[in-house]
PDB file of N, CA and C in Angstrom:
ATOM      1  N   MET A   1      22.472  83.676  18.320  1.00  0.00           N
ATOM      2  CA  MET A   1      23.588  82.771  18.341  1.00  0.00           C
ATOM      3  C   MET A   1      23.671  82.067  19.836  1.00  0.00           C
ATOM      4  N   ASN A   2      23.886  80.881  19.991  1.00  0.00           N
ATOM      5  CA  ASN A   2      24.077  80.164  21.239  1.00  0.00           C
ATOM      6  C   ASN A   2      25.287  80.679  21.772  1.00  0.00           C
ATOM      7  N   ASP A   3      25.159  80.898  23.265  1.00  0.00           N
ATOM      8  CA  ASP A   3      26.420  81.484  23.887  1.00  0.00           C
ATOM      9  C   ASP A   3      27.747  80.522  23.739  1.00  0.00           C
ATOM     10  N   VAL A   4      27.469  79.221  23.821  1.00  0.00           N
ATOM     11  CA  VAL A   4      28.468  78.144  23.753  1.00  0.00           C
ATOM     12  C   VAL A   4      29.216  78.516  22.411  1.00  0.00           C
ATOM     13  N   VAL A   5      28.532  78.688  21.337  1.00  0.00           N
ATOM     14  CA  VAL A   5      29.086  78.698  20.041  1.00  0.00           C
ATOM     15  C   VAL A   5      29.824  80.069  19.830  1.00  0.00           C
ATOM     16  N   ALA A   6      29.227  80.983  20.518  1.00  0.00           N
ATOM     17  CA  ALA A   6      29.784  82.493  20.442  1.00  0.00           C
ATOM     18  C   ALA A   6      31.338  82.408  20.967  1.00  0.00           C
ATOM     19  N   ARG A   7      31.510  81.437  21.905  1.00  0.00           N
ATOM     20  CA  ARG A   7      32.847  81.531  22.716  1.00  0.00           C
ATOM     21  C   ARG A   7      33.924  80.603  21.934  1.00  0.00           C
ATOM     22  N   LEU A   8      33.391  79.835  20.848  1.00  0.00           N
ATOM     23  CA  LEU A   8      34.262  78.969  20.063  1.00  0.00           C
ATOM     24  C   LEU A   8      34.911  79.770  19.010  1.00  0.00           C
ATOM     25  N   ALA A   9      36.337  79.405  18.720  1.00  0.00           N
ATOM     26  CA  ALA A   9      36.997  79.810  17.473  1.00  0.00           C
ATOM     27  C   ALA A   9      37.859  78.806  16.920  1.00  0.00           C
ATOM     28  N   GLN A  10      38.321  78.967  15.718  1.00  0.00           N
ATOM     29  CA  GLN A  10      39.304  78.100  15.023  1.00  0.00           C
ATOM     30  C   GLN A  10      40.376  78.766  14.787  1.00  0.00           C
ATOM     31  N   ILE A  11      41.586  78.191  15.219  1.00  0.00           N
ATOM     32  CA  ILE A  11      42.863  78.773  15.022  1.00  0.00           C
ATOM     33  C   ILE A  11      43.692  78.034  14.078  1.00  0.00           C
ATOM     34  N   GLN A  12      44.327  78.753  13.224  1.00  0.00           N
ATOM     35  CA  GLN A  12      45.255  78.069  12.333  1.00  0.00           C
ATOM     36  C   GLN A  12      46.629  78.135  12.995  1.00  0.00           C
ATOM     37  N   PHE A  13      47.393  76.911  12.877  1.00  0.00           N
ATOM     38  CA  PHE A  13      48.666  76.557  13.289  1.00  0.00           C
ATOM     39  C   PHE A  13      49.636  76.205  11.948  1.00  0.00           C
ATOM     40  N   VAL A  14      50.734  76.629  11.756  1.00  0.00           N
ATOM     41  CA  VAL A  14      51.378  76.092  10.748  1.00  0.00           C
ATOM     42  C   VAL A  14      52.744  75.562  11.341  1.00  0.00           C
ATOM     43  N   ASP A  15      52.966  74.288  11.133  1.00  0.00           N
ATOM     44  CA  ASP A  15      54.253  73.692  11.695  1.00  0.00           C
ATOM     45  C   ASP A  15      55.584  73.869  10.794  1.00  0.00           C
ATOM     46  N   PRO A  16      56.684  73.646  11.326  1.00  0.00           N
ATOM     47  CA  PRO A  16      58.043  74.001  10.610  1.00  0.00           C
ATOM     48  C   PRO A  16      58.071  73.444   9.223  1.00  0.00           C
ATOM     49  N   ASP A  17      57.304  72.369   8.853  1.00  0.00           N
ATOM     50  CA  ASP A  17      57.358  71.909   7.530  1.00  0.00           C
ATOM     51  C   ASP A  17      56.399  72.512   6.910  1.00  0.00           C
ATOM     52  N   GLY A  18      55.625  73.639   7.151  1.00  0.00           N
ATOM     53  CA  GLY A  18      54.702  74.151   6.574  1.00  0.00           C
ATOM     54  C   GLY A  18      53.211  73.417   6.384  1.00  0.00           C
ATOM     55  N   ARG A  19      52.953  72.302   7.233  1.00  0.00           N
ATOM     56  CA  ARG A  19      51.685  71.727   7.322  1.00  0.00           C
ATOM     57  C   ARG A  19      50.652  72.643   8.169  1.00  0.00           C
ATOM     58  N   LEU A  20      49.586  72.768   7.825  1.00  0.00           N
ATOM     59  CA  LEU A  20      48.438  73.547   8.283  1.00  0.00           C
ATOM     60  C   LEU A  20      47.592  72.567   9.211  1.00  0.00           C
ATOM     61  N   GLU A  21      47.345  73.085  10.519  1.00  0.00           N
ATOM     62  CA  GLU A  21      46.623  72.433  11.345  1.00  0.00           C
ATOM     63  C   GLU A  21      45.557  73.355  11.935  1.00  0.00           C
ATOM     64  N   VAL A  22      44.391  73.044  12.080  1.00  0.00           N
ATOM     65  CA  VAL A  22      43.272  73.879  12.513  1.00  0.00           C
ATOM     66  C   VAL A  22      42.728  73.258  13.928  1.00  0.00           C
ATOM     67  N   LEU A  23      42.863  74.093  14.883  1.00  0.00           N
ATOM     68  CA  LEU A  23      42.198  73.547  16.223  1.00  0.00           C
ATOM     69  C   LEU A  23      41.102  74.278  16.696  1.00  0.00           C
ATOM     70  N   TRP A  24      40.149  73.926  17.461  1.00  0.00           N
ATOM     71  CA  TRP A  24      39.185  74.488  18.076  1.00  0.00           C
ATOM     72  C   TRP A  24      39.689  75.245  19.405  1.00  0.00           C
ATOM     73  N   ALA A  25      39.249  76.295  19.822  1.00  0.00           N
ATOM     74  CA  ALA A  25      39.654  76.990  21.024  1.00  0.00           C
ATOM     75  C   ALA A  25      38.479  77.672  21.699  1.00  0.00           C
ATOM     76  N   GLU A  26      38.503  77.980  22.923  1.00  0.00           N
ATOM     77  CA  GLU A  26      37.507  78.661  23.519  1.00  0.00           C
ATOM     78  C   GLU A  26      38.041  80.288  23.982  1.00  0.00           C
ATOM     79  N   ARG A  27      37.337  81.218  23.547  1.00  0.00           N
ATOM     80  CA  ARG A  27      37.750  82.646  23.794  1.00  0.00           C
ATOM     81  C   ARG A  27      37.533  82.867  25.309  1.00  0.00           C
ATOM     82  N   LEU A  28      38.544  83.596  25.891  1.00  0.00           N
ATOM     83  CA  LEU A  28      38.557  83.694  27.358  1.00  0.00           C
ATOM     84  C   LEU A  28      38.015  85.234  27.586  1.00  0.00           C
ATOM     85  N   GLY A  29      38.067  86.067  26.692  1.00  0.00           N
ATOM     86  CA  GLY A  29      37.605  87.496  26.855  1.00  0.00           C
ATOM     87  C   GLY A  29      38.631  88.466  26.930  1.00  0.00           C
ATOM     88  N   ASP A  30      39.844  88.019  27.142  1.00  0.00           N
ATOM     89  CA  ASP A  30      41.038  88.770  27.435  1.00  0.00           C
ATOM     90  C   ASP A  30      41.929  88.886  26.253  1.00  0.00           C
ATOM     91  N   GLY A  31      41.421  88.314  25.102  1.00  0.00           N
ATOM     92  CA  GLY A  31      42.349  88.124  23.913  1.00  0.00           C
ATOM     93  C   GLY A  31      43.218  86.930  23.854  1.00  0.00           C
ATOM     94  N   SER A  32      42.827  86.081  24.810  1.00  0.00           N
ATOM     95  CA  SER A  32      43.451  84.666  24.774  1.00  0.00           C
ATOM     96  C   SER A  32      42.591  83.654  24.603  1.00  0.00           C
ATOM     97  N   TYR A  33      43.112  82.356  24.174  1.00  0.00           N
ATOM     98  CA  TYR A  33      42.181  81.224  23.959  1.00  0.00           C
ATOM     99  C   TYR A  33      42.847  80.154  24.533  1.00  0.00           C
ATOM    100  N   ILE A  34      41.927  79.143  24.824  1.00  0.00           N
ATOM    101  CA  ILE A  34      42.252  77.901  25.511  1.00  0.00           C
ATOM    102  C   ILE A  34      42.085  76.812  24.167  1.00  0.00           C
ATOM    103  N   VAL A  35      43.090  76.037  23.886  1.00  0.00           N
ATOM    104  CA  VAL A  35      43.143  75.030  22.952  1.00  0.00           C
ATOM    105  C   VAL A  35      42.190  73.811  23.433  1.00  0.00           C
ATOM    106  N   LEU A  36      41.251  73.335  22.462  1.00  0.00           N
ATOM    107  CA  LEU A  36      40.350  72.468  23.047  1.00  0.00           C
ATOM    108  C   LEU A  36      40.449  71.046  22.305  1.00  0.00           C
ATOM    109  N   ASN A  37      41.611  71.051  21.413  1.00  0.00           N
ATOM    110  CA  ASN A  37      41.828  69.659  20.769  1.00  0.00           C
ATOM    111  C   ASN A  37      43.295  69.408  21.064  1.00  0.00           C
ATOM    112  N   VAL A  38      43.457  67.949  20.741  1.00  0.00           N
ATOM    113  CA  VAL A  38      44.877  67.375  20.853  1.00  0.00           C
ATOM    114  C   VAL A  38      45.623  67.566  19.516  1.00  0.00           C
ATOM    115  N   PRO A  39      46.533  68.633  19.458  1.00  0.00           N
ATOM    116  CA  PRO A  39      47.274  68.743  18.197  1.00  0.00           C
ATOM    117  C   PRO A  39      47.936  67.428  17.682  1.00  0.00           C
ATOM    118  N   VAL A  40      47.862  67.348  16.336  1.00  0.00           N
ATOM    119  CA  VAL A  40      48.640  66.233  15.801  1.00  0.00           C
ATOM    120  C   VAL A  40      50.006  66.492  15.210  1.00  0.00           C
ATOM    121  N   HIS A  41      49.977  67.711  14.276  1.00  0.00           N
ATOM    122  CA  HIS A  41      51.384  67.922  13.752  1.00  0.00           C
ATOM    123  C   HIS A  41      51.983  69.177  14.383  1.00  0.00           C
ATOM    124  N   VAL A  42      51.480  69.857  15.216  1.00  0.00           N
ATOM    125  CA  VAL A  42      52.112  71.122  15.882  1.00  0.00           C
ATOM    126  C   VAL A  42      52.552  70.628  17.212  1.00  0.00           C
ATOM    127  N   TYR A  43      53.902  70.827  17.413  1.00  0.00           N
ATOM    128  CA  TYR A  43      54.573  70.339  18.563  1.00  0.00           C
ATOM    129  C   TYR A  43      54.593  71.667  19.607  1.00  0.00           C
ATOM    130  N   GLY A  44      54.641  71.417  21.006  1.00  0.00           N
ATOM    131  CA  GLY A  44      54.741  72.405  21.789  1.00  0.00           C
ATOM    132  C   GLY A  44      53.507  72.873  22.496  1.00  0.00           C
ATOM    133  N   LEU A  45      52.241  72.414  21.920  1.00  0.00           N
ATOM    134  CA  LEU A  45      51.013  72.722  22.369  1.00  0.00           C
ATOM    135  C   LEU A  45      50.331  71.521  22.691  1.00  0.00           C
ATOM    136  N   SER A  46      49.336  71.649  23.634  1.00  0.00           N
ATOM    137  CA  SER A  46      48.599  70.363  24.170  1.00  0.00           C
ATOM    138  C   SER A  46      47.180  70.974  24.452  1.00  0.00           C
ATOM    139  N   LEU A  47      46.259  70.030  24.771  1.00  0.00           N
ATOM    140  CA  LEU A  47      44.820  70.306  25.160  1.00  0.00           C
ATOM    141  C   LEU A  47      44.941  71.202  26.287  1.00  0.00           C
ATOM    142  N   GLY A  48      44.292  72.433  26.431  1.00  0.00           N
ATOM    143  CA  GLY A  48      44.343  73.179  27.678  1.00  0.00           C
ATOM    144  C   GLY A  48      45.480  74.372  27.493  1.00  0.00           C
ATOM    145  N   THR A  49      46.371  74.233  26.471  1.00  0.00           N
ATOM    146  CA  THR A  49      47.214  75.465  26.287  1.00  0.00           C
ATOM    147  C   THR A  49      46.528  76.820  26.013  1.00  0.00           C
ATOM    148  N   ARG A  50      47.150  77.713  26.842  1.00  0.00           N
ATOM    149  CA  ARG A  50      46.406  79.078  26.520  1.00  0.00           C
ATOM    150  C   ARG A  50      47.481  79.842  25.486  1.00  0.00           C
ATOM    151  N   VAL A  51      46.620  80.438  24.402  1.00  0.00           N
ATOM    152  CA  VAL A  51      47.289  81.242  23.266  1.00  0.00           C
ATOM    153  C   VAL A  51      46.804  82.354  23.088  1.00  0.00           C
ATOM    154  N   GLN A  52      47.813  83.094  22.280  1.00  0.00           N
ATOM    155  CA  GLN A  52      47.225  84.371  21.900  1.00  0.00           C
ATOM    156  C   GLN A  52      47.210  84.380  20.408  1.00  0.00           C
ATOM    157  N   CYS A  53      46.218  85.080  19.728  1.00  0.00           N
ATOM    158  CA  CYS A  53      46.054  85.056  18.254  1.00  0.00           C
ATOM    159  C   CYS A  53      45.828  86.327  17.718  1.00  0.00           C
ATOM    160  N   THR A  54      45.850  86.374  16.369  1.00  0.00           N
ATOM    161  CA  THR A  54      45.446  87.594  15.797  1.00  0.00           C
ATOM    162  C   THR A  54      44.444  87.178  14.710  1.00  0.00           C
ATOM    163  N   GLY A  55      43.614  88.237  14.205  1.00  0.00           N
ATOM    164  CA  GLY A  55      42.595  87.855  13.166  1.00  0.00           C
ATOM    165  C   GLY A  55      43.338  87.546  11.867  1.00  0.00           C
ATOM    166  N   LEU A  56      43.081  86.419  11.192  1.00  0.00           N
ATOM    167  CA  LEU A  56      43.529  85.994   9.786  1.00  0.00           C
ATOM    168  C   LEU A  56      42.434  86.251   8.767  1.00  0.00           C
ATOM    169  N   THR A  57      41.217  85.612   8.980  1.00  0.00           N
ATOM    170  CA  THR A  57      40.147  85.777   8.120  1.00  0.00           C
ATOM    171  C   THR A  57      38.822  85.769   8.930  1.00  0.00           C
ATOM    172  N   GLU A  58      37.749  86.097   8.383  1.00  0.00           N
ATOM    173  CA  GLU A  58      36.568  86.223   9.068  1.00  0.00           C
ATOM    174  C   GLU A  58      36.265  84.786   9.843  1.00  0.00           C
ATOM    175  N   ARG A  59      36.868  83.712   9.365  1.00  0.00           N
ATOM    176  CA  ARG A  59      36.529  82.409   9.917  1.00  0.00           C
ATOM    177  C   ARG A  59      37.642  81.859  10.928  1.00  0.00           C
ATOM    178  N   PHE A  60      38.894  82.252  10.668  1.00  0.00           N
ATOM    179  CA  PHE A  60      40.071  81.675  11.335  1.00  0.00           C
ATOM    180  C   PHE A  60      41.003  82.756  12.011  1.00  0.00           C
ATOM    181  N   LEU A  61      41.542  82.513  13.152  1.00  0.00           N
ATOM    182  CA  LEU A  61      42.530  83.111  13.920  1.00  0.00           C
ATOM    183  C   LEU A  61      43.876  82.541  13.460  1.00  0.00           C
ATOM    184  N   LYS A  62      44.873  83.257  13.614  1.00  0.00           N
ATOM    185  CA  LYS A  62      46.299  83.040  13.314  1.00  0.00           C
ATOM    186  C   LYS A  62      46.998  82.964  14.588  1.00  0.00           C
ATOM    187  N   PHE A  63      47.689  81.652  15.056  1.00  0.00           N
ATOM    188  CA  PHE A  63      48.355  81.530  16.367  1.00  0.00           C
ATOM    189  C   PHE A  63      49.578  82.494  16.337  1.00  0.00           C
ATOM    190  N   GLU A  64      49.738  83.109  17.461  1.00  0.00           N
ATOM    191  CA  GLU A  64      50.914  84.165  17.545  1.00  0.00           C
ATOM    192  C   GLU A  64      51.988  83.606  18.666  1.00  0.00           C
ATOM    193  N   ARG A  65      51.402  83.266  19.720  1.00  0.00           N
ATOM    194  CA  ARG A  65      52.409  82.636  20.921  1.00  0.00           C
ATOM    195  C   ARG A  65      51.486  82.111  22.056  1.00  0.00           C
ATOM    196  N   ILE A  66      52.366  81.329  22.750  1.00  0.00           N
ATOM    197  CA  ILE A  66      51.849  80.554  23.948  1.00  0.00           C
ATOM    198  C   ILE A  66      51.776  81.564  25.060  1.00  0.00           C
ATOM    199  N   VAL A  67      50.645  81.684  25.700  1.00  0.00           N
ATOM    200  CA  VAL A  67      50.547  82.639  26.905  1.00  0.00           C
ATOM    201  C   VAL A  67      50.951  81.695  28.177  1.00  0.00           C
ATOM    202  N   LEU A  68      50.181  80.519  28.268  1.00  0.00           N
ATOM    203  CA  LEU A  68      50.406  79.683  29.343  1.00  0.00           C
ATOM    204  C   LEU A  68      50.406  78.210  28.873  1.00  0.00           C
ATOM    205  N   ALA A  69      51.442  77.438  29.269  1.00  0.00           N
ATOM    206  CA  ALA A  69      51.509  76.004  28.846  1.00  0.00           C
ATOM    207  C   ALA A  69      50.303  75.248  29.710  1.00  0.00           C
ATOM    208  N   SER A  70      49.942  74.172  29.041  1.00  0.00           N
ATOM    209  CA  SER A  70      48.805  73.392  29.720  1.00  0.00           C
ATOM    210  C   SER A  70      49.451  72.730  31.028  1.00  0.00           C
ATOM    211  N   PRO A  71      48.479  72.593  31.980  1.00  0.00           N
ATOM    212  CA  PRO A  71      49.144  71.936  33.377  1.00  0.00           C
ATOM    213  C   PRO A  71      49.355  70.528  33.066  1.00  0.00           C
TER     214      PRO A  71
END
């Protein structure tokens, strides 16, 4: 597996209206991830936001909290 692909993950976000949005993120190795997309439906996040996630399925992670807002 390519090293770049191994660092990528997909995170599911659910907005207050129940809409699901999936964003790409980069694994940082300390259990946190950097958001690599511009969210459309999820507010309070932006490109570069550092987040913490838990496992949801084999393919997706579940957003838990913001670790550090985007600069």
